[in-house]
């Protein structure tokens, strides 16, 4: 806070007023600096907890919340003897077994390529250079390119049927190609007139017989319109819509698309087959294994980090630097010095110990499965020996036979074997393990009035409150420091004023006495 007191140097007394006052107020300045340093450490500690808290919440949401349910392990996979014939997505309810699939017909989308629209000579000079466009009126067309104008004096109607939609198009002499396109689209069709090719291109939006379309006339004039537009049966080339047909285990199924959903399998037909292809559905051993392995990888990363933070070397004697102290050091020296403090912020932290110990306890505890007490070790998942494990990695779990783990890759793969041979036991154990983790992590992150917000594993509210208290405390200390400085500056200013008056009076007396 800026001072309102005039501050004079010791011009008369010859004293170093600034230095003397700074020494007098140094004790109070130290209190300000100490409060700022404590607030900075709290800010760094909050940041460290936020980072760790995010990782814990991700572990909870990504794995723990889902893996407590047995449905998370109901992973199945389906293979096809001819992968070019069909692709299959396997649902939870798919039944294991071998089935025969034959694709007798693929679904097709109705498509029409119109014949060239009929032109007529508008003038002797226009000739065949005359091109139709979206704004061309149908009265400018001819019948069968014979130069005879299309007679629309009495008007006519065209009926456009697309699936269950029927649209009637009124044709008059002023009807344009654009009007025709609009009605086709209104009926739910894709439609375009290519000015370069002078043809209509029309298709249904979806495949299957139920989405087929037709364009018919109500009278002879209407038939002439279709001929002129190249949309009559003689001019246009139309591919009729078809449904897909397959036979699965001698039972025929039909669909308007090439996709069939049958008893937990989503089958996409890709080509017609003359013979049966074999479809095999079984438990997805690799899928379950990879899910457990992925969890352990993330769990190990967090538990190792927590051990490292808790066991960090002491930073006793290290405190955040003031601006003056930073100015006396290089940037790299400041960074190294501050990192020493940051690394030790959660050393022996009681909150960290509680979270870490709880997770370790759940992971190491046994669960009863079919009357037998089982542990992670029964599935080939264990921590390394105390002397083998690296520093701060003694609580990390390793899977026997994991090809990506140099410590245990040479061991027999017990987990994968059990998933394949006894999936029910695997599901019962791991779903139970994750139920326990879910309960404990939910307890650790529940809301605590004045201390913790819901979903957080640390006392975020209390740390925020403490930080705000420091802000108020620092302001009070700075105000007192400024007042204290002002008091001393005022005293020295009065002294300087008094000395100036004394010196002035002394000079006057000397002058009266005839001094020089």
Protein backbone atom coordinates (compact mmCIF):
# COMPACT_ATOMS: atom_id res chain seq x y z
CA UNK A 1 0.00 0.00 0.00
CA UNK A 2 1.42 3.39 -0.97
CA UNK A 3 2.33 5.72 1.90
CA UNK A 4 0.90 9.22 2.20
CA UNK A 5 3.77 10.45 4.40
CA UNK A 6 6.49 12.67 2.88
CA UNK A 7 9.77 10.81 3.24
CA UNK A 8 12.90 12.99 3.59
CA UNK A 9 16.49 11.69 3.56
CA UNK A 10 19.00 12.72 6.27
CA UNK A 11 20.24 15.85 4.52
CA UNK A 12 20.73 17.81 7.75
CA UNK A 13 21.63 15.04 10.18
CA UNK A 14 23.84 13.20 7.70
CA UNK A 15 22.20 9.91 8.79
CA UNK A 16 21.22 7.10 6.32
CA UNK A 17 17.54 7.40 7.21
CA UNK A 18 16.35 4.84 4.63
CA UNK A 19 18.71 2.15 5.88
CA UNK A 20 17.90 2.80 9.53
CA UNK A 21 14.14 2.59 8.96
CA UNK A 22 14.43 -0.59 6.91
CA UNK A 23 16.33 -2.19 9.78
CA UNK A 24 13.67 -1.03 12.23
CA UNK A 25 10.81 -2.52 10.17
CA UNK A 26 12.66 -5.68 9.08
CA UNK A 27 10.92 -7.83 11.68
CA UNK A 28 7.50 -6.82 10.39
CA UNK A 29 8.66 -7.28 6.75
CA UNK A 30 9.72 -10.82 7.67
CA UNK A 31 6.19 -11.54 8.90
CA UNK A 32 4.79 -10.37 5.54
CA UNK A 33 7.31 -12.47 3.60
CA UNK A 34 6.61 -15.53 5.75
CA UNK A 35 2.87 -15.24 5.15
CA UNK A 36 3.40 -14.90 1.39
CA UNK A 37 5.71 -17.91 1.34
CA UNK A 38 3.20 -20.00 3.27
CA UNK A 39 0.45 -18.99 0.84
CA UNK A 40 2.66 -19.87 -2.14
CA UNK A 41 3.38 -23.32 -0.67
CA UNK A 42 -0.34 -23.84 -0.12
CA UNK A 43 -1.02 -22.84 -3.73
CA UNK A 44 1.59 -25.33 -4.97
CA UNK A 45 0.21 -28.03 -2.71
CA UNK A 46 -3.31 -27.40 -4.02
CA UNK A 47 -2.05 -27.72 -7.59
CA UNK A 48 -0.30 -31.01 -6.73
CA UNK A 49 -3.49 -32.37 -5.21
CA UNK A 50 -5.61 -31.23 -8.15
CA UNK A 51 -3.37 -33.15 -10.54
CA UNK A 52 -3.48 -36.29 -8.40
CA UNK A 53 -7.21 -35.89 -7.82
CA UNK A 54 -7.87 -35.80 -11.58
CA UNK A 55 -6.02 -39.08 -12.03
CA UNK A 56 -7.94 -40.75 -9.21
CA UNK A 57 -11.27 -39.56 -10.62
CA UNK A 58 -10.32 -40.82 -14.09
CA UNK A 59 -9.44 -44.23 -12.64
CA UNK A 60 -12.80 -44.29 -10.90
CA UNK A 61 -14.87 -43.26 -13.92
CA UNK A 62 -12.94 -45.18 -16.58
CA UNK A 63 -12.72 -48.52 -14.77
CA UNK A 64 -14.11 -48.82 -11.24
CA UNK A 65 -17.65 -47.56 -11.97
CA UNK A 66 -18.14 -50.07 -14.81
CA UNK A 67 -16.04 -53.08 -13.83
CA UNK A 68 -18.10 -53.70 -10.68
CA UNK A 69 -20.90 -54.96 -12.94
CA UNK A 70 -20.74 -58.50 -14.37
CA UNK A 71 -22.02 -57.14 -17.68
CA UNK A 72 -18.65 -55.42 -18.20
CA UNK A 73 -17.07 -58.87 -18.58
CA UNK A 74 -19.68 -60.25 -20.96
CA UNK A 75 -17.41 -59.67 -23.92
CA UNK A 76 -17.76 -61.95 -26.90
CA UNK A 77 -16.21 -62.08 -30.33
CA UNK A 78 -17.41 -63.57 -33.60
CA UNK A 79 -15.31 -64.71 -36.54
CA UNK A 80 -16.43 -65.44 -40.12
CA UNK A 81 -14.73 -68.05 -42.29
CA UNK A 82 -14.93 -65.63 -45.24
CA UNK A 83 -14.36 -62.12 -43.93
CA UNK A 84 -15.20 -60.64 -47.35
CA UNK A 85 -18.73 -62.03 -47.17
CA UNK A 86 -19.91 -60.46 -43.92
CA UNK A 87 -18.79 -58.45 -40.91
CA UNK A 88 -20.31 -59.14 -37.50
CA UNK A 89 -20.59 -57.11 -34.31
CA UNK A 90 -21.14 -59.25 -31.24
CA UNK A 91 -23.49 -58.09 -28.50
CA UNK A 92 -23.55 -59.10 -24.83
CA UNK A 93 -26.47 -61.49 -25.34
CA UNK A 94 -24.99 -63.37 -28.28
CA UNK A 95 -24.83 -67.12 -27.78
CA UNK A 96 -21.56 -69.01 -28.08
CA UNK A 97 -21.55 -71.52 -30.89
CA UNK A 98 -20.94 -72.24 -34.57
CA UNK A 99 -23.55 -71.22 -37.18
CA UNK A 100 -23.94 -71.45 -40.96
CA UNK A 101 -24.60 -68.26 -42.92
CA UNK A 102 -25.54 -67.90 -46.59
CA UNK A 103 -26.11 -64.54 -48.29
CA UNK A 104 -28.56 -65.04 -51.15
CA UNK A 105 -29.24 -61.40 -52.08
CA UNK A 106 -27.83 -57.99 -51.21
CA UNK A 107 -30.04 -54.97 -50.67
CA UNK A 108 -30.16 -52.47 -53.50
CA UNK A 109 -31.26 -48.86 -53.71
CA UNK A 110 -33.63 -47.85 -56.50
CA UNK A 111 -31.76 -45.68 -59.03
CA UNK A 112 -32.81 -44.14 -62.31
CA UNK A 113 -30.55 -42.71 -64.98
CA UNK A 114 -32.75 -40.70 -67.30
CA UNK A 115 -32.44 -40.68 -71.06
CA UNK A 116 -31.37 -37.44 -72.75
CA UNK A 117 -34.10 -34.82 -72.49
CA UNK A 118 -35.71 -33.96 -75.85
CA UNK A 119 -34.83 -30.61 -77.44
CA UNK A 120 -36.70 -28.60 -79.99
CA UNK A 121 -35.40 -25.82 -82.24
CA UNK A 122 -36.53 -22.49 -80.81
CA UNK A 123 -35.20 -20.48 -83.78
CA UNK A 124 -33.38 -21.25 -86.98
CA UNK A 125 -30.13 -20.01 -85.47
CA UNK A 126 -30.30 -21.81 -82.11
CA UNK A 127 -30.29 -25.33 -83.48
CA UNK A 128 -28.79 -28.10 -81.35
CA UNK A 129 -26.76 -25.60 -79.32
CA UNK A 130 -29.82 -24.97 -77.20
CA UNK A 131 -29.28 -26.58 -73.74
CA UNK A 132 -31.79 -27.28 -71.02
CA UNK A 133 -31.20 -25.94 -67.52
CA UNK A 134 -33.09 -25.67 -64.25
CA UNK A 135 -35.08 -22.68 -65.45
CA UNK A 136 -36.10 -24.20 -68.79
CA UNK A 137 -39.86 -24.48 -69.21
CA UNK A 138 -41.25 -27.86 -70.21
CA UNK A 139 -43.09 -26.15 -73.07
CA UNK A 140 -39.65 -25.62 -74.63
CA UNK A 141 -39.18 -29.40 -74.94
CA UNK A 142 -40.12 -31.51 -77.91
CA UNK A 143 -41.59 -34.96 -78.16
CA UNK A 144 -38.95 -37.55 -79.10
CA UNK A 145 -36.51 -34.88 -80.35
CA UNK A 146 -38.59 -34.47 -83.53
CA UNK A 147 -38.79 -30.72 -83.28
CA UNK A 148 -42.49 -30.79 -82.40
CA UNK A 149 -43.17 -28.68 -79.34
CA UNK A 150 -44.58 -30.43 -76.29
CA UNK A 151 -48.22 -29.38 -76.14
CA UNK A 152 -49.07 -28.37 -72.58
CA UNK A 153 -51.95 -26.05 -73.34
CA UNK A 154 -54.42 -28.16 -71.36
CA UNK A 155 -51.96 -29.24 -68.67
CA UNK A 156 -51.50 -32.70 -67.15
CA UNK A 157 -50.38 -34.46 -63.98
CA UNK A 158 -47.52 -36.77 -62.98
CA UNK A 159 -47.70 -39.07 -59.96
CA UNK A 160 -44.51 -39.65 -57.97
CA UNK A 161 -44.60 -42.59 -55.57
CA UNK A 162 -41.70 -43.15 -53.18
CA UNK A 163 -42.21 -45.82 -50.56
CA UNK A 164 -45.45 -44.86 -48.79
CA UNK A 165 -45.32 -41.28 -50.08
CA UNK A 166 -47.39 -40.08 -53.02
CA UNK A 167 -46.84 -36.65 -54.55
CA UNK A 168 -48.83 -35.17 -57.45
CA UNK A 169 -47.05 -32.83 -59.85
CA UNK A 170 -49.22 -30.39 -61.82
CA UNK A 171 -47.69 -29.75 -65.25
CA UNK A 172 -48.43 -26.55 -67.17
CA UNK A 173 -46.68 -24.64 -69.93
CA UNK A 174 -44.84 -22.61 -67.26
CA UNK A 175 -43.58 -25.62 -65.27
CA UNK A 176 -39.78 -25.66 -65.18
CA UNK A 177 -37.21 -28.40 -64.72
CA UNK A 178 -36.55 -26.88 -61.28
CA UNK A 179 -40.23 -27.42 -60.39
CA UNK A 180 -39.90 -31.08 -61.34
CA UNK A 181 -36.79 -31.47 -59.16
CA UNK A 182 -38.53 -29.82 -56.22
CA UNK A 183 -41.44 -32.29 -56.39
CA UNK A 184 -39.12 -35.26 -56.69
CA UNK A 185 -37.29 -34.13 -53.56
CA UNK A 186 -40.58 -33.43 -51.83
CA UNK A 187 -41.42 -37.09 -52.37
CA UNK A 188 -38.27 -38.02 -50.46
CA UNK A 189 -36.00 -38.76 -53.42
CA UNK A 190 -32.51 -37.63 -54.33
CA UNK A 191 -32.76 -35.84 -57.66
CA UNK A 192 -30.49 -33.84 -59.93
CA UNK A 193 -30.49 -32.59 -63.50
CA UNK A 194 -27.02 -32.70 -65.07
CA UNK A 195 -26.84 -29.86 -67.62
CA UNK A 196 -23.72 -31.34 -69.22
CA UNK A 197 -25.31 -34.72 -69.83
CA UNK A 198 -28.85 -33.30 -70.23
CA UNK A 199 -30.18 -36.11 -68.04
CA UNK A 200 -32.06 -36.60 -64.78
CA UNK A 201 -30.47 -38.72 -62.06
CA UNK A 202 -32.87 -39.96 -59.40
CA UNK A 203 -32.43 -42.33 -56.47
CA UNK A 204 -34.23 -43.41 -53.31
CA UNK A 205 -32.64 -42.26 -50.07
CA UNK A 206 -32.70 -45.76 -48.56
CA UNK A 207 -32.28 -49.26 -49.90
CA UNK A 208 -34.92 -52.00 -49.90
CA UNK A 209 -38.09 -52.80 -51.77
CA UNK A 210 -40.17 -50.68 -49.43
CA UNK A 211 -38.27 -47.61 -50.59
CA UNK A 212 -38.66 -48.17 -54.34
CA UNK A 213 -40.13 -45.36 -56.45
CA UNK A 214 -42.07 -44.81 -59.65
CA UNK A 215 -43.06 -41.83 -61.83
CA UNK A 216 -46.24 -42.30 -63.86
CA UNK A 217 -48.51 -40.17 -66.05
CA UNK A 218 -52.29 -39.72 -65.87
CA UNK A 219 -52.85 -39.34 -69.62
CA UNK A 220 -51.18 -39.26 -73.03
CA UNK A 221 -49.91 -35.69 -72.52
CA UNK A 222 -48.29 -36.85 -69.32
CA UNK A 223 -46.65 -39.75 -71.17
CA UNK A 224 -45.27 -37.24 -73.68
CA UNK A 225 -43.86 -35.19 -70.77
CA UNK A 226 -42.06 -38.29 -69.43
CA UNK A 227 -40.69 -39.02 -72.92
CA UNK A 228 -39.50 -35.44 -73.32
CA UNK A 229 -37.78 -35.54 -69.91
CA UNK A 230 -36.21 -38.91 -70.65
CA UNK A 231 -38.07 -40.49 -67.73
CA UNK A 232 -40.27 -43.00 -69.56
CA UNK A 233 -39.51 -46.71 -69.38
CA UNK A 234 -38.15 -46.78 -72.92
CA UNK A 235 -35.62 -43.98 -72.34
CA UNK A 236 -34.58 -44.30 -68.71
CA UNK A 237 -32.46 -47.02 -67.18
CA UNK A 238 -33.87 -47.94 -63.75
CA UNK A 239 -32.42 -50.29 -61.19
CA UNK A 240 -35.22 -51.62 -59.00
CA UNK A 241 -34.82 -51.72 -55.25
CA UNK A 242 -34.22 -55.08 -53.57
CA UNK A 243 -34.23 -56.40 -50.05
CA UNK A 244 -31.26 -58.26 -48.65
CA UNK A 245 -31.83 -61.94 -47.97
CA UNK A 246 -29.75 -64.29 -45.86
CA UNK A 247 -30.13 -67.77 -44.46
CA UNK A 248 -28.79 -68.40 -40.96
CA UNK A 249 -28.96 -72.01 -39.78
CA UNK A 250 -31.47 -72.80 -42.58
CA UNK A 251 -33.80 -69.98 -41.52
CA UNK A 252 -34.34 -67.16 -44.02
CA UNK A 253 -34.24 -63.50 -43.00
CA UNK A 254 -35.05 -60.44 -45.09
CA UNK A 255 -34.09 -56.79 -44.54
CA UNK A 256 -34.39 -53.55 -46.49
CA UNK A 257 -30.70 -52.94 -45.70
CA UNK A 258 -27.70 -55.23 -45.68
CA UNK A 259 -27.69 -55.18 -41.88
CA UNK A 260 -29.45 -57.86 -39.80
CA UNK A 261 -29.80 -57.95 -36.01
CA UNK A 262 -30.31 -61.55 -34.96
CA UNK A 263 -30.00 -62.93 -31.42
CA UNK A 264 -27.23 -60.60 -30.25
CA UNK A 265 -25.36 -60.53 -33.56
CA UNK A 266 -25.34 -57.55 -35.92
CA UNK A 267 -24.58 -59.04 -39.33
CA UNK A 268 -23.62 -56.82 -42.26
CA UNK A 269 -23.86 -58.69 -45.56
CA UNK A 270 -21.11 -57.68 -47.98
CA UNK A 271 -21.42 -60.09 -50.91
CA UNK A 272 -23.63 -62.90 -52.11
CA UNK A 273 -22.33 -66.40 -51.40
CA UNK A 274 -22.95 -69.64 -53.26
CA UNK A 275 -22.12 -71.74 -50.21
CA UNK A 276 -22.46 -71.36 -46.45
CA UNK A 277 -19.82 -69.47 -44.51
CA UNK A 278 -19.09 -70.47 -40.92
CA UNK A 279 -19.84 -68.01 -38.11
CA UNK A 280 -18.17 -68.76 -34.76
CA UNK A 281 -19.07 -66.89 -31.54
CA UNK A 282 -17.07 -67.34 -28.32
CA UNK A 283 -15.99 -65.47 -25.20
CA UNK A 284 -13.57 -62.65 -25.96
CA UNK A 285 -10.66 -63.76 -23.79
CA UNK A 286 -8.38 -61.01 -25.08
CA UNK A 287 -11.01 -58.33 -24.51
CA UNK A 288 -11.46 -59.22 -20.82
CA UNK A 289 -7.71 -59.65 -20.35
CA UNK A 290 -6.92 -56.28 -21.96
CA UNK A 291 -9.52 -54.54 -19.78
CA UNK A 292 -7.95 -55.86 -16.57
CA UNK A 293 -4.44 -55.16 -17.86
CA UNK A 294 -5.37 -51.59 -18.80
CA UNK A 295 -6.78 -50.96 -15.34
CA UNK A 296 -3.65 -52.30 -13.64
CA UNK A 297 -1.46 -50.09 -15.81
CA UNK A 298 -3.32 -46.95 -14.74
CA UNK A 299 -3.59 -48.12 -11.13
CA UNK A 300 0.15 -48.80 -10.96
CA UNK A 301 0.93 -45.37 -12.37
CA UNK A 302 -1.15 -43.66 -9.68
CA UNK A 303 -0.02 -45.82 -6.76
CA UNK A 304 3.65 -45.37 -7.76
CA UNK A 305 3.17 -41.61 -7.96
CA UNK A 306 1.52 -41.51 -4.54
CA UNK A 307 4.35 -43.55 -3.00
CA UNK A 308 6.90 -41.23 -4.58
CA UNK A 309 5.13 -38.14 -3.28
CA UNK A 310 4.71 -39.58 0.22
CA UNK A 311 8.30 -40.83 0.46
CA UNK A 312 9.88 -37.72 -1.06
CA UNK A 313 13.09 -36.31 0.40
CA UNK A 314 12.65 -33.57 2.94
CA UNK A 315 12.86 -29.96 1.78
CA UNK A 316 13.45 -28.66 5.30
CA UNK A 317 15.05 -25.22 5.17
CA UNK A 318 13.70 -24.52 1.70
CA UNK A 319 11.04 -21.82 1.42
CA UNK A 320 9.58 -20.03 -1.62
CA UNK A 321 11.78 -17.18 -2.79
CA UNK A 322 10.97 -13.51 -2.53
CA UNK A 323 11.27 -11.35 -5.64
CA UNK A 324 14.59 -9.94 -4.38
CA UNK A 325 15.93 -13.44 -3.82
CA UNK A 326 14.88 -14.51 -7.31
CA UNK A 327 16.61 -11.48 -8.82
CA UNK A 328 19.88 -12.65 -7.28
CA UNK A 329 19.61 -16.09 -8.99
CA UNK A 330 19.49 -17.38 -12.56
CA UNK A 331 16.22 -18.76 -13.98
CA UNK A 332 17.56 -22.33 -13.89
CA UNK A 333 18.65 -21.93 -10.28
CA UNK A 334 15.22 -20.63 -9.32
CA UNK A 335 13.49 -23.51 -11.11
CA UNK A 336 15.71 -26.11 -9.47
CA UNK A 337 15.27 -24.54 -6.03
CA UNK A 338 11.48 -24.36 -6.30
CA UNK A 339 11.21 -27.90 -7.69
CA UNK A 340 12.90 -29.16 -4.54
CA UNK A 341 10.05 -27.65 -2.52
CA UNK A 342 7.30 -28.85 -4.87
CA UNK A 343 8.60 -32.43 -4.82
CA UNK A 344 8.25 -32.53 -1.05
CA UNK A 345 4.87 -30.83 -0.67
CA UNK A 346 2.96 -34.09 -0.07
CA UNK A 347 5.72 -35.78 1.94
CA UNK A 348 4.12 -37.64 4.86
CA UNK A 349 0.78 -36.07 3.94
CA UNK A 350 -1.93 -37.69 6.08
CA UNK A 351 -4.64 -37.32 3.42
CA UNK A 352 -2.37 -38.92 0.83
CA UNK A 353 -1.56 -41.75 3.24
CA UNK A 354 -5.26 -42.44 3.80
CA UNK A 355 -6.11 -42.62 0.10
CA UNK A 356 -3.05 -44.69 -0.81
CA UNK A 357 -3.45 -47.13 2.08
CA UNK A 358 -7.13 -47.65 1.34
CA UNK A 359 -6.49 -48.53 -2.30
CA UNK A 360 -3.67 -50.90 -1.36
CA UNK A 361 -5.82 -52.58 1.27
CA UNK A 362 -8.66 -53.26 -1.16
CA UNK A 363 -6.31 -54.65 -3.81
CA UNK A 364 -4.54 -56.97 -1.39
CA UNK A 365 -7.67 -58.24 0.35
CA UNK A 366 -9.23 -61.56 -0.53
CA UNK A 367 -12.76 -62.25 -1.77
CA UNK A 368 -14.85 -65.37 -1.34
CA UNK A 369 -15.75 -67.01 -4.65
CA UNK A 370 -17.84 -70.20 -4.55
CA UNK A 371 -16.87 -70.80 -0.92
CA UNK A 372 -13.14 -70.25 -1.54
CA UNK A 373 -11.07 -67.27 -0.43
CA UNK A 374 -9.25 -65.93 -3.47
CA UNK A 375 -6.67 -63.21 -4.07
CA UNK A 376 -5.18 -61.49 -7.09
CA UNK A 377 -2.26 -63.89 -6.85
CA UNK A 378 -4.63 -66.77 -7.68
CA UNK A 379 -4.98 -65.16 -11.10
CA UNK A 380 -1.25 -64.65 -11.63
CA UNK A 381 -1.31 -60.99 -10.53
CA UNK A 382 1.20 -60.01 -7.85
CA UNK A 383 3.62 -57.31 -6.73
CA UNK A 384 7.33 -57.96 -7.20
CA UNK A 385 9.49 -58.95 -4.25
CA UNK A 386 10.74 -56.14 -2.02
CA UNK A 387 14.30 -56.42 -3.31
CA UNK A 388 13.30 -56.79 -6.97
CA UNK A 389 10.87 -53.90 -7.24
CA UNK A 390 12.21 -50.45 -8.07
CA UNK A 391 12.05 -47.64 -5.53
CA UNK A 392 8.47 -46.45 -5.01
CA UNK A 393 7.16 -49.27 -7.23
CA UNK A 394 6.82 -51.94 -4.56
CA UNK A 395 3.01 -51.77 -4.55
CA UNK A 396 2.57 -52.07 -8.32
CA UNK A 397 0.96 -55.23 -9.71
CA UNK A 398 2.37 -57.37 -12.52
CA UNK A 399 0.58 -60.00 -14.63
CA UNK A 400 2.38 -63.30 -15.14
CA UNK A 401 2.99 -63.91 -18.82
CA UNK A 402 2.37 -60.29 -19.84
CA UNK A 403 4.43 -59.87 -23.01
CA UNK A 404 4.83 -56.15 -22.28
CA UNK A 405 6.25 -56.70 -18.79
CA UNK A 406 9.92 -57.67 -18.77
CA UNK A 407 9.68 -58.68 -15.09
CA UNK A 408 7.01 -61.36 -15.56
CA UNK A 409 6.76 -62.10 -19.30
CA UNK A 410 8.52 -65.45 -18.83
CA UNK A 411 5.92 -66.78 -16.39
CA UNK A 412 2.88 -68.86 -17.32
CA UNK A 413 -0.11 -66.72 -18.30
CA UNK A 414 -2.49 -67.77 -15.56
CA UNK A 415 -4.96 -64.90 -16.00
CA UNK A 416 -5.64 -65.52 -19.67
CA UNK A 417 -5.88 -69.24 -19.05
CA UNK A 418 -8.50 -68.77 -16.34
CA UNK A 419 -10.53 -66.35 -18.44
CA UNK A 420 -10.66 -69.04 -21.12
CA UNK A 421 -11.27 -72.06 -18.87
CA UNK A 422 -13.21 -70.62 -15.93
CA UNK A 423 -14.71 -67.25 -16.90
CA UNK A 424 -17.39 -67.36 -14.18
CA UNK A 425 -14.76 -67.39 -11.42
CA UNK A 426 -12.87 -64.53 -13.07
CA UNK A 427 -16.03 -62.44 -13.39
CA UNK A 428 -17.13 -63.15 -9.81
CA UNK A 429 -13.76 -62.20 -8.33
CA UNK A 430 -13.05 -59.05 -10.32
CA UNK A 431 -16.59 -57.66 -10.18
CA UNK A 432 -16.43 -58.16 -6.40
CA UNK A 433 -13.01 -56.49 -6.22
CA UNK A 434 -14.27 -53.46 -8.12
CA UNK A 435 -17.41 -53.24 -5.99
CA UNK A 436 -15.14 -52.89 -2.97
CA UNK A 437 -13.00 -50.30 -4.76
CA UNK A 438 -16.12 -48.39 -5.75
CA UNK A 439 -17.39 -48.30 -2.17
CA UNK A 440 -14.06 -47.20 -0.69
CA UNK A 441 -13.35 -44.57 -3.37
CA UNK A 442 -16.87 -43.20 -2.97
CA UNK A 443 -16.30 -42.89 0.79
CA UNK A 444 -12.95 -41.17 0.25
CA UNK A 445 -14.49 -38.62 -2.13
CA UNK A 446 -17.74 -37.83 -0.37
CA UNK A 447 -18.59 -34.26 0.60
CA UNK A 448 -17.46 -33.00 4.02
CA UNK A 449 -18.93 -29.69 5.16
CA UNK A 450 -16.31 -26.97 5.16
CA UNK A 451 -13.55 -29.33 4.06
CA UNK A 452 -14.29 -31.29 0.90
CA UNK A 453 -16.46 -31.07 -2.23
CA UNK A 454 -18.25 -34.15 -3.51
CA UNK A 455 -16.09 -36.20 -5.86
CA UNK A 456 -12.74 -34.90 -4.57
CA UNK A 457 -10.16 -36.94 -2.69
CA UNK A 458 -8.59 -33.97 -0.89
CA UNK A 459 -9.81 -31.08 1.27
CA UNK A 460 -10.31 -28.59 -1.53
CA UNK A 461 -12.73 -26.38 0.42
CA UNK A 462 -10.42 -26.14 3.44
CA UNK A 463 -7.39 -25.36 1.27
CA UNK A 464 -9.34 -22.66 -0.58
CA UNK A 465 -10.48 -21.17 2.72
CA UNK A 466 -6.93 -21.21 4.09
CA UNK A 467 -5.65 -19.53 0.93
CA UNK A 468 -8.24 -16.77 1.28
CA UNK A 469 -7.30 -16.34 4.95
CA UNK A 470 -3.68 -15.84 3.91
CA UNK A 471 -4.78 -13.16 1.44
CA UNK A 472 -6.53 -11.26 4.23
CA UNK A 473 -3.66 -11.81 6.67
CA UNK A 474 -1.08 -10.55 4.16
CA UNK A 475 -3.11 -7.42 3.52
CA UNK A 476 -3.38 -6.71 7.26
CA UNK A 477 0.35 -7.28 7.76
CA UNK A 478 1.21 -5.02 4.81
CA UNK A 479 -1.06 -2.29 6.16
CA UNK A 480 0.62 -2.50 9.57
CA UNK A 481 4.05 -2.50 7.93
CA UNK A 482 3.23 0.63 5.96
CA UNK A 483 1.85 2.35 9.06
CA UNK A 484 4.97 1.39 11.00
CA UNK A 485 7.22 2.73 8.23
CA UNK A 486 5.20 5.91 8.02
CA UNK A 487 5.57 6.43 11.77
CA UNK A 488 9.35 6.21 11.61
CA UNK A 489 9.61 8.34 8.49
CA UNK A 490 7.46 10.94 10.26
CA UNK A 491 9.74 10.91 13.31
CA UNK A 492 12.89 11.28 11.25
CA UNK A 493 11.25 14.00 9.19
CA UNK A 494 10.45 15.96 12.34
CA UNK A 495 14.01 15.49 13.54
CA UNK A 496 15.39 16.80 10.25
CA UNK A 497 13.04 19.80 10.45
CA UNK A 498 14.12 20.55 14.02
CA UNK A 499 17.81 20.28 13.09
CA UNK A 500 17.23 22.63 10.16
CA UNK A 501 15.64 25.23 12.44
CA UNK A 502 18.45 24.85 14.97
CA UNK A 503 21.05 25.31 12.27
CA UNK A 504 19.23 28.40 11.00
CA UNK A 505 19.06 29.96 14.49
CA UNK A 506 22.73 29.20 15.09
CA UNK A 507 23.69 30.98 11.90
CA UNK A 508 21.67 34.03 12.92
CA UNK A 509 23.37 34.30 16.32
CA UNK A 510 26.80 33.95 14.74
CA UNK A 511 25.97 36.75 12.33
CA UNK A 512 24.86 39.11 15.15
CA UNK A 513 28.10 38.48 17.01
CA UNK A 514 30.07 39.53 13.99
CA UNK A 515 31.12 36.06 12.93
CA UNK A 516 31.90 35.36 9.37
